[in-house]
Structures are given as C-alpha cells and as structure tokens.
Amino acid sequence: MKDGTAFLNDNARRIAETMIRDAERLRVAVTTGPLGETLIDAGAKAQGGIEAGLRMAKASMGGLGTVSALLDRGSEKWPYTIEVRSSQPVLACLGAQYAGWNLSADGYFAMGSGPARALARVEPLYETLSYRDTATSAVLILETGSPPPPAVVEKVAKATGQPADKLTFLYAPTQSLAGTVQIVARSLEVALHKANDLKFPLDNIVDGIAAAPLPAPHPDFLTAMGRTNDAIIYGGSVQLFVRGPAEAARELAERLPSHTSRDHGKPFKEIFKQFKGDFYAIDPLLFSPARAIVTAIDSGETFRAGRIDVEMLERSLG
C-alpha cells in the first residue's frame, strides 16, 4: 500500500543524494553512465568504508530501516555489530531490501536489491505484497565489483518504467568493507524472508530488530561470501513482534533459527562448494539468524529458540 507512510524509491533517492553530496568523506565515486544513469561506486574501484555500507543498507530498505554500527562489549572477538530495525519490516525487507532480482547480460551478472524492485515487480514475491510504488526515479543496489553495462541499465529502465537518467545504481563487491556491511545488514531481511517461506502471515509482523557481527572483509570472493553469510547464520539474532495467536508466535520462534535447516552445521563456504556453486540447491531455510525471539503482542508472551554458535564463527570468521 502507498498511503503516504512509505515511498520507497523517493526515500532511497534522498539517501543516494546524501552519498553524492558526501562522496569525498564517504570515499565513494560518483559518475554518470553512458545512458545517463547515476553510478555510485562504494567499494569497487573506490575505497568506500563502513559508513558507505550503512547508507547503502538504508537505501536498500527504501529508507524504512535504521541501520547502525555498534560495539558489543560482550563479544571478545567480533564486537563490531551491525544492527537493523524497522517498524515496517515487511515492506522494508521484502518489498525493497531482498536481493531477488537476477540481472545478467553479455557475461555480466549481479543480484539486484532495493526499492527499484517494487517498481519492476518481476519477482513472484510481489504476488504476496500489495504495495505499489509510483515514484519517478528508481534506486537499485548491486552486489558486484563492476557497474552495470548498458544492456542491464536498459533492462532495469524497461522493467521499472523509468528513463535511464532517472536510475541510480549503488554497487560494491562482497570483498569490500561497504559490501560486507550492507550484506550483514540483511539479518532482519533473511528472518522476514524465512517467515514468509514458513507461511507465517506477513501482515501479522508489525516490528522487528536484528543484529549480526561484522566480519573482516577478505579478498577471495568465496571466503568473503562465506563470512558474511556465516555472520548471520551462526552469529545473528532477531526479535520480531507479531499479532495473532501465541501458539503461532511460538511455532515461528521454534522454526525461524538457522539450525532447523538440513544444511546447517558447516561454514557456508564449504556448503557452497558441496553444492558445486549452485546457490539455489542450498536449503533456503538455512538463510536465517542463529537465534530468534518472537513476541506475541496480543498476549504479551515471548518465545525463544536457537543459539549463537561460537565454534562455527571461529571456523569461518577467524
């Protein structure tokens, strides 16, 4: 629904404009592509950094999430934590942040996330979301080390109904500091996505907060990808506030943690190799935080399940 409370692309565009204004301080590079599109390099050729990653994450949520870098003094080895919260978590996480748009052309491949997806509505996920954006510009976040080629820009323009010069692409590779931040900032999003997979009524999820440790970036793509996934799968925590029967909240809490997946128990890099690099062969229920708390606001009851797996974090994060 677009009722004046949520304008995903308009919000994201304002965040992108702050990145353009603060480009030197953020160490990002802003250029105009061959079709007139705005390109913000937050960690490919540009150095970027943690603040650039935080703003990427906020833009990816269409401005409906608060993303913070915190120091967890209770964690000796991985105290740097990325915390995400939203009072419109379904729209912020599934309507915008989820990396569900496969963009490929001429040997280029990137997963697209962010509010431009809400304009394109090319994913089956939008059959469950009633929100429709009518913005006159679009913002897309890409997990890649290269800007999108003209063929991809044209594809996005056609799908969103926006001319190329109204498109903004924020991009950073997984190996970069900004890329690491914006991926770990998906700890709430993966919980929402799994709740949807578990057929929990999305309209009953009214608020949420999640956090995961920030791992060190790594120059090797597989290692970097493994660390960012493991930070959430073995080190992430989420609390959701839901309406409806307490028993439904209890069941969600019990089924939400990552340990309920058949593929749980190995570093993600090993799991990825086990399935010969086929991301879609991995059990989708693995992608969720290690620990879940679900509060049933109608009854005031809270249910807890899962745990932080320090041993697995040691193996992956170092």
C-alpha atoms as a PDB file:
ATOM      1  CA  MET A   1       0.000   0.000   0.000  1.00  0.00           C
ATOM      2  CA  LYS A   2       1.163   3.508  -0.714  1.00  0.00           C
ATOM      3  CA  ASP A   3      -0.732   5.632   1.747  1.00  0.00           C
ATOM      4  CA  GLY A   4       1.754   8.391   2.453  1.00  0.00           C
ATOM      5  CA  THR A   5       3.727   6.392   5.020  1.00  0.00           C
ATOM      6  CA  ALA A   6       6.101   4.691   2.609  1.00  0.00           C
ATOM      7  CA  PHE A   7       7.652   5.981  -0.580  1.00  0.00           C
ATOM      8  CA  LEU A   8      10.455   3.514  -1.093  1.00  0.00           C
ATOM      9  CA  ASN A   9      12.226   4.912  -4.153  1.00  0.00           C
ATOM     10  CA  ASP A  10      11.730   8.539  -3.106  1.00  0.00           C
ATOM     11  CA  ASN A  11      13.282   7.749   0.279  1.00  0.00           C
ATOM     12  CA  ALA A  12      16.171   5.835  -1.295  1.00  0.00           C
ATOM     13  CA  ARG A  13      16.833   8.616  -3.768  1.00  0.00           C
ATOM     14  CA  ARG A  14      17.236  11.084  -0.910  1.00  0.00           C
ATOM     15  CA  ILE A  15      19.735   8.747   0.764  1.00  0.00           C
ATOM     16  CA  ALA A  16      21.639   8.383  -2.516  1.00  0.00           C
ATOM     17  CA  GLU A  17      21.724  12.166  -2.809  1.00  0.00           C
ATOM     18  CA  THR A  18      23.401  12.383   0.598  1.00  0.00           C
ATOM     19  CA  MET A  19      26.019   9.908  -0.636  1.00  0.00           C
ATOM     20  CA  ILE A  20      26.633  12.076  -3.686  1.00  0.00           C
ATOM     21  CA  ARG A  21      26.904  15.183  -1.510  1.00  0.00           C
ATOM     22  CA  ASP A  22      29.266  13.437   0.939  1.00  0.00           C
ATOM     23  CA  ALA A  23      31.180  11.450  -1.688  1.00  0.00           C
ATOM     24  CA  GLU A  24      34.619  12.639  -0.648  1.00  0.00           C
ATOM     25  CA  ARG A  25      34.013  11.952   3.035  1.00  0.00           C
ATOM     26  CA  LEU A  26      32.497   8.544   2.285  1.00  0.00           C
ATOM     27  CA  ARG A  27      35.289   7.720  -0.189  1.00  0.00           C
ATOM     28  CA  VAL A  28      32.770   6.769  -2.887  1.00  0.00           C
ATOM     29  CA  ALA A  29      32.985   7.621  -6.578  1.00  0.00           C
ATOM     30  CA  VAL A  30      30.025   9.151  -8.395  1.00  0.00           C
ATOM     31  CA  THR A  31      29.835   9.046 -12.189  1.00  0.00           C
ATOM     32  CA  THR A  32      27.264   9.226 -14.947  1.00  0.00           C
ATOM     33  CA  GLY A  33      26.904   6.128 -17.123  1.00  0.00           C
ATOM     34  CA  PRO A  34      26.644   6.060 -20.936  1.00  0.00           C
ATOM     35  CA  LEU A  35      22.831   6.130 -20.834  1.00  0.00           C
ATOM     36  CA  GLY A  36      22.671   8.907 -18.265  1.00  0.00           C
ATOM     37  CA  GLU A  37      22.290   6.651 -15.229  1.00  0.00           C
ATOM     38  CA  THR A  38      23.871   7.660 -11.910  1.00  0.00           C
ATOM     39  CA  LEU A  39      26.549   5.252 -10.681  1.00  0.00           C
ATOM     40  CA  ILE A  40      27.804   5.263  -7.091  1.00  0.00           C
ATOM     41  CA  ASP A  41      30.837   3.040  -6.556  1.00  0.00           C
ATOM     42  CA  ALA A  42      31.028   2.329  -2.826  1.00  0.00           C
ATOM     43  CA  GLY A  43      33.759  -0.274  -2.798  1.00  0.00           C
ATOM     44  CA  ALA A  44      34.906  -1.477  -6.228  1.00  0.00           C
ATOM     45  CA  LYS A  45      37.498   0.985  -7.523  1.00  0.00           C
ATOM     46  CA  ALA A  46      36.550   3.421  -4.763  1.00  0.00           C
ATOM     47  CA  GLN A  47      37.730   2.640  -1.247  1.00  0.00           C
ATOM     48  CA  GLY A  48      34.359   3.173   0.441  1.00  0.00           C
ATOM     49  CA  GLY A  49      34.013   2.133   4.066  1.00  0.00           C
ATOM     50  CA  ILE A  50      31.631   1.259   6.872  1.00  0.00           C
ATOM     51  CA  GLU A  51      29.575   4.462   6.623  1.00  0.00           C
ATOM     52  CA  ALA A  52      29.139   3.957   2.884  1.00  0.00           C
ATOM     53  CA  GLY A  53      27.906   0.436   3.592  1.00  0.00           C
ATOM     54  CA  LEU A  54      25.448   1.683   6.210  1.00  0.00           C
ATOM     55  CA  ARG A  55      23.973   4.170   3.760  1.00  0.00           C
ATOM     56  CA  MET A  56      23.754   1.508   1.065  1.00  0.00           C
ATOM     57  CA  ALA A  57      21.823  -0.662   3.503  1.00  0.00           C
ATOM     58  CA  LYS A  58      19.457   2.186   4.407  1.00  0.00           C
ATOM     59  CA  ALA A  59      18.849   2.899   0.731  1.00  0.00           C
ATOM     60  CA  SER A  60      18.230  -0.780   0.055  1.00  0.00           C
ATOM     61  CA  MET A  61      15.448  -0.688   2.676  1.00  0.00           C
ATOM     62  CA  GLY A  62      13.802   2.263   0.993  1.00  0.00           C
ATOM     63  CA  GLY A  63      14.523   4.467   3.993  1.00  0.00           C
ATOM     64  CA  LEU A  64      12.246   2.379   6.229  1.00  0.00           C
ATOM     65  CA  GLY A  65      15.034   0.891   8.316  1.00  0.00           C
ATOM     66  CA  THR A  66      17.522   2.163  10.865  1.00  0.00           C
ATOM     67  CA  VAL A  67      20.959   0.624  10.310  1.00  0.00           C
ATOM     68  CA  SER A  68      23.635   1.192  12.941  1.00  0.00           C
ATOM     69  CA  ALA A  69      27.200   0.101  13.663  1.00  0.00           C
ATOM     70  CA  LEU A  70      27.549  -0.774  17.352  1.00  0.00           C
ATOM     71  CA  LEU A  71      30.271  -2.079  19.619  1.00  0.00           C
ATOM     72  CA  ASP A  72      29.162  -5.184  21.527  1.00  0.00           C
ATOM     73  CA  ARG A  73      31.387  -5.209  24.580  1.00  0.00           C
ATOM     74  CA  GLY A  74      30.156  -8.690  25.473  1.00  0.00           C
ATOM     75  CA  SER A  75      31.785 -10.163  22.371  1.00  0.00           C
ATOM     76  CA  GLU A  76      35.542 -10.531  22.686  1.00  0.00           C
ATOM     77  CA  LYS A  77      36.412 -11.482  19.103  1.00  0.00           C
ATOM     78  CA  TRP A  78      33.714  -9.850  16.966  1.00  0.00           C
ATOM     79  CA  PRO A  79      32.495  -6.805  18.899  1.00  0.00           C
ATOM     80  CA  TYR A  80      31.665  -4.732  15.823  1.00  0.00           C
ATOM     81  CA  THR A  81      27.974  -5.389  15.224  1.00  0.00           C
ATOM     82  CA  ILE A  82      25.572  -4.245  12.529  1.00  0.00           C
ATOM     83  CA  GLU A  83      22.065  -3.675  13.926  1.00  0.00           C
ATOM     84  CA  VAL A  84      18.950  -3.251  11.799  1.00  0.00           C
ATOM     85  CA  ARG A  85      15.446  -2.329  12.892  1.00  0.00           C
ATOM     86  CA  SER A  86      12.236  -1.340  11.184  1.00  0.00           C
ATOM     87  CA  SER A  87       8.673  -0.538  12.151  1.00  0.00           C
ATOM     88  CA  GLN A  88       7.603  -1.524   8.635  1.00  0.00           C
ATOM     89  CA  PRO A  89       9.760  -4.647   8.342  1.00  0.00           C
ATOM     90  CA  VAL A  90       7.797  -6.468   5.636  1.00  0.00           C
ATOM     91  CA  LEU A  91       7.871  -3.534   3.243  1.00  0.00           C
ATOM     92  CA  ALA A  92      11.438  -2.520   4.108  1.00  0.00           C
ATOM     93  CA  CYS A  93      12.914  -6.011   3.941  1.00  0.00           C
ATOM     94  CA  LEU A  94      10.836  -7.899   1.383  1.00  0.00           C
ATOM     95  CA  GLY A  95       9.426  -5.010  -0.631  1.00  0.00           C
ATOM     96  CA  ALA A  96      12.841  -3.411  -1.020  1.00  0.00           C
ATOM     97  CA  GLN A  97      15.945  -4.963   0.555  1.00  0.00           C
ATOM     98  CA  TYR A  98      15.699  -8.585  -0.543  1.00  0.00           C
ATOM     99  CA  ALA A  99      18.233  -9.391  -3.287  1.00  0.00           C
ATOM    100  CA  GLY A 100      15.783 -11.144  -5.565  1.00  0.00           C
ATOM    101  CA  TRP A 101      16.301  -9.577  -8.996  1.00  0.00           C
ATOM    102  CA  ASN A 102      18.644 -11.575 -11.216  1.00  0.00           C
ATOM    103  CA  LEU A 103      20.299  -9.155 -13.631  1.00  0.00           C
ATOM    104  CA  SER A 104      22.527 -10.564 -16.346  1.00  0.00           C
ATOM    105  CA  ALA A 105      23.633  -9.611 -19.853  1.00  0.00           C
ATOM    106  CA  ASP A 106      26.729 -10.050 -22.009  1.00  0.00           C
ATOM    107  CA  GLY A 107      28.547 -12.083 -19.350  1.00  0.00           C
ATOM    108  CA  TYR A 108      27.656  -9.648 -16.564  1.00  0.00           C
ATOM    109  CA  PHE A 109      25.747 -10.923 -13.520  1.00  0.00           C
ATOM    110  CA  ALA A 110      24.571  -9.260 -10.338  1.00  0.00           C
ATOM    111  CA  MET A 111      21.772  -9.723  -7.843  1.00  0.00           C
ATOM    112  CA  GLY A 112      19.701  -6.589  -7.546  1.00  0.00           C
ATOM    113  CA  SER A 113      18.135  -5.387  -4.317  1.00  0.00           C
ATOM    114  CA  GLY A 114      16.456  -2.202  -3.240  1.00  0.00           C
ATOM    115  CA  PRO A 115      13.247  -0.317  -3.975  1.00  0.00           C
ATOM    116  CA  ALA A 116      13.559  -0.393  -7.787  1.00  0.00           C
ATOM    117  CA  ARG A 117      12.269  -3.956  -7.403  1.00  0.00           C
ATOM    118  CA  ALA A 118       8.959  -2.544  -6.138  1.00  0.00           C
ATOM    119  CA  LEU A 119       8.531  -0.666  -9.410  1.00  0.00           C
ATOM    120  CA  ALA A 120       9.536  -3.596 -11.610  1.00  0.00           C
ATOM    121  CA  ARG A 121       7.557  -6.258  -9.687  1.00  0.00           C
ATOM    122  CA  VAL A 122       9.116  -9.025 -11.794  1.00  0.00           C
ATOM    123  CA  GLU A 123       9.561 -11.430  -8.871  1.00  0.00           C
ATOM    124  CA  PRO A 124       6.907 -13.897  -7.629  1.00  0.00           C
ATOM    125  CA  LEU A 125       7.386 -12.453  -4.136  1.00  0.00           C
ATOM    126  CA  TYR A 126       5.360  -9.391  -5.146  1.00  0.00           C
ATOM    127  CA  GLU A 127       2.268 -11.548  -5.553  1.00  0.00           C
ATOM    128  CA  THR A 128       2.107 -11.536  -1.737  1.00  0.00           C
ATOM    129  CA  LEU A 129       2.819  -7.802  -1.350  1.00  0.00           C
ATOM    130  CA  SER A 130       0.115  -5.260  -2.127  1.00  0.00           C
ATOM    131  CA  TYR A 131       2.454  -2.249  -2.134  1.00  0.00           C
ATOM    132  CA  ARG A 132       2.868  -0.405  -5.420  1.00  0.00           C
ATOM    133  CA  ASP A 133       5.357   2.408  -5.852  1.00  0.00           C
ATOM    134  CA  THR A 134       4.659   5.297  -8.240  1.00  0.00           C
ATOM    135  CA  ALA A 135       7.968   7.120  -7.913  1.00  0.00           C
ATOM    136  CA  THR A 136       9.523   8.973 -10.845  1.00  0.00           C
ATOM    137  CA  SER A 137      13.016   7.613 -10.185  1.00  0.00           C
ATOM    138  CA  ALA A 138      14.440   4.271  -9.070  1.00  0.00           C
ATOM    139  CA  VAL A 139      17.326   3.094  -6.889  1.00  0.00           C
ATOM    140  CA  LEU A 140      18.953  -0.331  -7.153  1.00  0.00           C
ATOM    141  CA  ILE A 141      21.752  -1.882  -5.092  1.00  0.00           C
ATOM    142  CA  LEU A 142      24.105  -4.357  -6.780  1.00  0.00           C
ATOM    143  CA  GLU A 143      26.490  -6.812  -5.094  1.00  0.00           C
ATOM    144  CA  THR A 144      29.231  -6.549  -7.707  1.00  0.00           C
ATOM    145  CA  GLY A 145      32.591  -5.039  -8.453  1.00  0.00           C
ATOM    146  CA  SER A 146      31.552  -3.570 -11.799  1.00  0.00           C
ATOM    147  CA  PRO A 147      28.936  -1.028 -12.868  1.00  0.00           C
ATOM    148  CA  PRO A 148      26.023  -2.409 -14.876  1.00  0.00           C
ATOM    149  CA  PRO A 149      26.541  -2.472 -18.660  1.00  0.00           C
ATOM    150  CA  PRO A 150      24.073  -0.618 -20.911  1.00  0.00           C
ATOM    151  CA  ALA A 151      22.084  -3.819 -21.564  1.00  0.00           C
ATOM    152  CA  VAL A 152      21.355  -4.199 -17.835  1.00  0.00           C
ATOM    153  CA  VAL A 153      20.545  -0.499 -17.457  1.00  0.00           C
ATOM    154  CA  GLU A 154      18.083  -0.808 -20.344  1.00  0.00           C
ATOM    155  CA  LYS A 155      16.533  -3.899 -18.734  1.00  0.00           C
ATOM    156  CA  VAL A 156      16.027  -2.046 -15.446  1.00  0.00           C
ATOM    157  CA  ALA A 157      14.658   1.022 -17.227  1.00  0.00           C
ATOM    158  CA  LYS A 158      12.131  -1.040 -19.159  1.00  0.00           C
ATOM    159  CA  ALA A 159      11.010  -3.035 -16.105  1.00  0.00           C
ATOM    160  CA  THR A 160      10.651  -0.012 -13.834  1.00  0.00           C
ATOM    161  CA  GLY A 161       9.204   2.303 -16.458  1.00  0.00           C
ATOM    162  CA  GLN A 162      11.881   4.888 -15.720  1.00  0.00           C
ATOM    163  CA  PRO A 163      14.234   6.550 -18.212  1.00  0.00           C
ATOM    164  CA  ALA A 164      17.884   5.687 -17.671  1.00  0.00           C
ATOM    165  CA  ASP A 165      18.711   9.152 -16.396  1.00  0.00           C
ATOM    166  CA  LYS A 166      16.286   8.573 -13.512  1.00  0.00           C
ATOM    167  CA  LEU A 167      18.062   5.398 -12.386  1.00  0.00           C
ATOM    168  CA  THR A 168      20.654   5.277  -9.592  1.00  0.00           C
ATOM    169  CA  PHE A 169      22.845   2.217  -9.071  1.00  0.00           C
ATOM    170  CA  LEU A 170      24.783   1.761  -5.817  1.00  0.00           C
ATOM    171  CA  TYR A 171      27.325  -1.028  -6.075  1.00  0.00           C
ATOM    172  CA  ALA A 172      30.122  -2.666  -4.091  1.00  0.00           C
ATOM    173  CA  PRO A 173      31.655  -6.154  -4.202  1.00  0.00           C
ATOM    174  CA  THR A 174      31.284  -8.606  -1.326  1.00  0.00           C
ATOM    175  CA  GLN A 175      35.047  -8.365  -0.726  1.00  0.00           C
ATOM    176  CA  SER A 176      34.852  -4.674   0.154  1.00  0.00           C
ATOM    177  CA  LEU A 177      34.153  -3.145   3.544  1.00  0.00           C
ATOM    178  CA  ALA A 178      30.977  -1.413   2.326  1.00  0.00           C
ATOM    179  CA  GLY A 179      29.838  -4.600   0.614  1.00  0.00           C
ATOM    180  CA  THR A 180      30.403  -6.604   3.776  1.00  0.00           C
ATOM    181  CA  VAL A 181      28.389  -4.108   5.839  1.00  0.00           C
ATOM    182  CA  GLN A 182      25.397  -3.975   3.507  1.00  0.00           C
ATOM    183  CA  ILE A 183      25.213  -7.783   3.298  1.00  0.00           C
ATOM    184  CA  VAL A 184      25.451  -8.330   7.072  1.00  0.00           C
ATOM    185  CA  ALA A 185      22.756  -5.649   7.397  1.00  0.00           C
ATOM    186  CA  ARG A 186      20.341  -8.231   5.950  1.00  0.00           C
ATOM    187  CA  SER A 187      19.927 -10.079   9.265  1.00  0.00           C
ATOM    188  CA  LEU A 188      16.350  -8.812   9.636  1.00  0.00           C
ATOM    189  CA  GLU A 189      15.566  -9.334   5.962  1.00  0.00           C
ATOM    190  CA  VAL A 190      16.513 -13.034   5.971  1.00  0.00           C
ATOM    191  CA  ALA A 191      14.308 -13.565   9.031  1.00  0.00           C
ATOM    192  CA  LEU A 192      11.366 -11.955   7.213  1.00  0.00           C
ATOM    193  CA  HIS A 193      12.022 -13.993   4.099  1.00  0.00           C
ATOM    194  CA  LYS A 194      12.123 -17.230   6.075  1.00  0.00           C
ATOM    195  CA  ALA A 195       8.929 -16.278   7.923  1.00  0.00           C
ATOM    196  CA  ASN A 196       7.306 -15.911   4.504  1.00  0.00           C
ATOM    197  CA  ASP A 197       8.667 -19.307   3.420  1.00  0.00           C
ATOM    198  CA  LEU A 198       7.184 -20.776   6.601  1.00  0.00           C
ATOM    199  CA  LYS A 199       3.792 -19.328   5.575  1.00  0.00           C
ATOM    200  CA  PHE A 200       3.550 -17.053   8.597  1.00  0.00           C
ATOM    201  CA  PRO A 201       1.076 -14.243   7.776  1.00  0.00           C
ATOM    202  CA  LEU A 202       3.219 -11.266   6.802  1.00  0.00           C
ATOM    203  CA  ASP A 203       0.523  -8.795   7.843  1.00  0.00           C
ATOM    204  CA  ASN A 204       0.952 -10.062  11.414  1.00  0.00           C
ATOM    205  CA  ILE A 205       4.614  -8.983  11.600  1.00  0.00           C
ATOM    206  CA  VAL A 206       4.499  -5.429  12.920  1.00  0.00           C
ATOM    207  CA  ASP A 207       8.045  -4.639  14.070  1.00  0.00           C
ATOM    208  CA  GLY A 208      11.488  -6.172  14.181  1.00  0.00           C
ATOM    209  CA  ILE A 209      15.129  -5.799  15.104  1.00  0.00           C
ATOM    210  CA  ALA A 210      18.151  -7.930  14.270  1.00  0.00           C
ATOM    211  CA  ALA A 211      21.919  -7.840  14.578  1.00  0.00           C
ATOM    212  CA  ALA A 212      24.973  -9.778  13.447  1.00  0.00           C
ATOM    213  CA  PRO A 213      28.745  -9.405  13.887  1.00  0.00           C
ATOM    214  CA  LEU A 214      30.709  -7.603  11.183  1.00  0.00           C
ATOM    215  CA  PRO A 215      33.386  -9.953   9.832  1.00  0.00           C
ATOM    216  CA  ALA A 216      36.639  -8.821   8.290  1.00  0.00           C
ATOM    217  CA  PRO A 217      36.451  -8.466   4.508  1.00  0.00           C
ATOM    218  CA  HIS A 218      38.517 -10.937   2.511  1.00  0.00           C
ATOM    219  CA  PRO A 219      39.991 -10.531  -0.995  1.00  0.00           C
ATOM    220  CA  ASP A 220      38.819 -14.014  -2.017  1.00  0.00           C
ATOM    221  CA  PHE A 221      35.176 -13.881  -3.122  1.00  0.00           C
ATOM    222  CA  LEU A 222      34.159 -17.299  -1.746  1.00  0.00           C
ATOM    223  CA  THR A 223      35.751 -16.586   1.621  1.00  0.00           C
ATOM    224  CA  ALA A 224      34.147 -13.145   1.783  1.00  0.00           C
ATOM    225  CA  MET A 225      30.740 -14.554   0.834  1.00  0.00           C
ATOM    226  CA  GLY A 226      31.131 -17.336   3.385  1.00  0.00           C
ATOM    227  CA  ARG A 227      31.961 -14.914   6.170  1.00  0.00           C
ATOM    228  CA  THR A 228      29.026 -12.585   5.504  1.00  0.00           C
ATOM    229  CA  ASN A 229      26.581 -15.489   5.401  1.00  0.00           C
ATOM    230  CA  ASP A 230      28.033 -17.180   8.480  1.00  0.00           C
ATOM    231  CA  ALA A 231      27.893 -13.946  10.458  1.00  0.00           C
ATOM    232  CA  ILE A 232      24.107 -14.165  10.214  1.00  0.00           C
ATOM    233  CA  ILE A 233      23.581 -17.944  10.089  1.00  0.00           C
ATOM    234  CA  TYR A 234      25.772 -18.638  13.137  1.00  0.00           C
ATOM    235  CA  GLY A 235      26.044 -15.231  14.812  1.00  0.00           C
ATOM    236  CA  GLY A 236      22.816 -13.363  14.074  1.00  0.00           C
ATOM    237  CA  SER A 237      19.929 -12.593  16.435  1.00  0.00           C
ATOM    238  CA  VAL A 238      16.436 -11.357  15.610  1.00  0.00           C
ATOM    239  CA  GLN A 239      13.364 -10.310  17.560  1.00  0.00           C
ATOM    240  CA  LEU A 240      10.015  -9.986  15.829  1.00  0.00           C
ATOM    241  CA  PHE A 241       6.853  -8.502  17.284  1.00  0.00           C
ATOM    242  CA  VAL A 242       3.775 -10.183  15.877  1.00  0.00           C
ATOM    243  CA  ARG A 243       0.000 -10.137  16.149  1.00  0.00           C
ATOM    244  CA  GLY A 244      -2.170 -13.212  16.343  1.00  0.00           C
ATOM    245  CA  PRO A 245      -2.313 -16.366  18.462  1.00  0.00           C
ATOM    246  CA  ALA A 246       0.523 -17.021  20.888  1.00  0.00           C
ATOM    247  CA  GLU A 247       0.842 -20.561  19.553  1.00  0.00           C
ATOM    248  CA  ALA A 248       1.611 -19.210  16.088  1.00  0.00           C
ATOM    249  CA  ALA A 249       4.311 -16.979  17.598  1.00  0.00           C
ATOM    250  CA  ARG A 250       5.763 -19.951  19.467  1.00  0.00           C
ATOM    251  CA  GLU A 251       5.887 -22.037  16.294  1.00  0.00           C
ATOM    252  CA  LEU A 252       7.548 -19.217  14.380  1.00  0.00           C
ATOM    253  CA  ALA A 253      10.224 -18.814  17.058  1.00  0.00           C
ATOM    254  CA  GLU A 254      10.953 -22.547  17.019  1.00  0.00           C
ATOM    255  CA  ARG A 255      11.203 -22.784  13.234  1.00  0.00           C
ATOM    256  CA  LEU A 256      12.947 -19.492  12.489  1.00  0.00           C
ATOM    257  CA  PRO A 257      16.564 -20.149  13.597  1.00  0.00           C
ATOM    258  CA  SER A 258      19.052 -21.444  11.038  1.00  0.00           C
ATOM    259  CA  HIS A 259      19.712 -24.678  12.933  1.00  0.00           C
ATOM    260  CA  THR A 260      16.380 -26.041  11.650  1.00  0.00           C
ATOM    261  CA  SER A 261      17.887 -26.331   8.150  1.00  0.00           C
ATOM    262  CA  ARG A 262      19.222 -29.633   6.832  1.00  0.00           C
ATOM    263  CA  ASP A 263      22.382 -27.840   5.642  1.00  0.00           C
ATOM    264  CA  HIS A 264      23.227 -26.252   8.996  1.00  0.00           C
ATOM    265  CA  GLY A 265      26.479 -27.237  10.672  1.00  0.00           C
ATOM    266  CA  LYS A 266      29.254 -26.278   8.245  1.00  0.00           C
ATOM    267  CA  PRO A 267      30.834 -22.982   7.224  1.00  0.00           C
ATOM    268  CA  PHE A 268      28.900 -21.550   4.311  1.00  0.00           C
ATOM    269  CA  LYS A 269      31.956 -21.697   2.050  1.00  0.00           C
ATOM    270  CA  GLU A 270      32.039 -25.482   2.479  1.00  0.00           C
ATOM    271  CA  ILE A 271      28.298 -25.770   1.883  1.00  0.00           C
ATOM    272  CA  PHE A 272      28.620 -23.711  -1.290  1.00  0.00           C
ATOM    273  CA  LYS A 273      31.396 -25.985  -2.578  1.00  0.00           C
ATOM    274  CA  GLN A 274      29.387 -29.078  -1.598  1.00  0.00           C
ATOM    275  CA  PHE A 275      26.635 -27.974  -3.961  1.00  0.00           C
ATOM    276  CA  LYS A 276      29.196 -27.108  -6.676  1.00  0.00           C
ATOM    277  CA  GLY A 277      28.410 -23.413  -6.540  1.00  0.00           C
ATOM    278  CA  ASP A 278      24.695 -23.847  -7.160  1.00  0.00           C
ATOM    279  CA  PHE A 279      23.296 -21.291  -4.732  1.00  0.00           C
ATOM    280  CA  TYR A 280      19.727 -22.394  -5.386  1.00  0.00           C
ATOM    281  CA  ALA A 281      20.473 -26.030  -4.446  1.00  0.00           C
ATOM    282  CA  ILE A 282      21.188 -24.972  -0.859  1.00  0.00           C
ATOM    283  CA  ASP A 283      18.270 -25.340   1.532  1.00  0.00           C
ATOM    284  CA  PRO A 284      16.643 -21.873   1.568  1.00  0.00           C
ATOM    285  CA  LEU A 285      15.710 -22.376   5.228  1.00  0.00           C
ATOM    286  CA  LEU A 286      19.412 -22.080   6.103  1.00  0.00           C
ATOM    287  CA  PHE A 287      19.340 -18.342   5.444  1.00  0.00           C
ATOM    288  CA  SER A 288      18.161 -17.011   8.776  1.00  0.00           C
ATOM    289  CA  PRO A 289      19.681 -15.783  12.057  1.00  0.00           C
ATOM    290  CA  ALA A 290      21.094 -18.225  14.579  1.00  0.00           C
ATOM    291  CA  ARG A 291      18.823 -17.063  17.378  1.00  0.00           C
ATOM    292  CA  ALA A 292      15.186 -15.939  17.264  1.00  0.00           C
ATOM    293  CA  ILE A 293      12.884 -14.225  19.738  1.00  0.00           C
ATOM    294  CA  VAL A 294       9.229 -13.759  18.836  1.00  0.00           C
ATOM    295  CA  THR A 295       6.928 -11.625  20.972  1.00  0.00           C
ATOM    296  CA  ALA A 296       3.178 -12.103  20.660  1.00  0.00           C
ATOM    297  CA  ILE A 297       1.955  -8.582  21.358  1.00  0.00           C
ATOM    298  CA  ASP A 298      -1.687  -9.616  21.798  1.00  0.00           C
ATOM    299  CA  SER A 299      -0.892 -11.853  24.780  1.00  0.00           C
ATOM    300  CA  GLY A 300       2.415 -10.377  25.940  1.00  0.00           C
ATOM    301  CA  GLU A 301       4.199 -13.730  25.670  1.00  0.00           C
ATOM    302  CA  THR A 302       7.710 -14.114  24.289  1.00  0.00           C
ATOM    303  CA  PHE A 303       9.238 -17.261  22.808  1.00  0.00           C
ATOM    304  CA  ARG A 304      12.918 -18.007  22.212  1.00  0.00           C
ATOM    305  CA  ALA A 305      14.859 -20.582  20.199  1.00  0.00           C
ATOM    306  CA  GLY A 306      18.313 -21.143  18.743  1.00  0.00           C
ATOM    307  CA  ARG A 307      21.734 -20.005  19.912  1.00  0.00           C
ATOM    308  CA  ILE A 308      24.863 -18.224  18.758  1.00  0.00           C
ATOM    309  CA  ASP A 309      27.353 -20.849  17.500  1.00  0.00           C
ATOM    310  CA  VAL A 310      30.733 -19.502  18.615  1.00  0.00           C
ATOM    311  CA  GLU A 311      32.608 -22.571  17.379  1.00  0.00           C
ATOM    312  CA  MET A 312      31.323 -22.112  13.841  1.00  0.00           C
ATOM    313  CA  LEU A 313      32.116 -18.397  13.946  1.00  0.00           C
ATOM    314  CA  GLU A 314      35.661 -19.310  14.953  1.00  0.00           C
ATOM    315  CA  ARG A 315      35.979 -21.587  11.915  1.00  0.00           C
ATOM    316  CA  SER A 316      34.626 -19.004   9.492  1.00  0.00           C
ATOM    317  CA  LEU A 317      35.315 -15.517  10.798  1.00  0.00           C
ATOM    318  CA  GLY A 318      38.687 -16.317  12.365  1.00  0.00           C
END
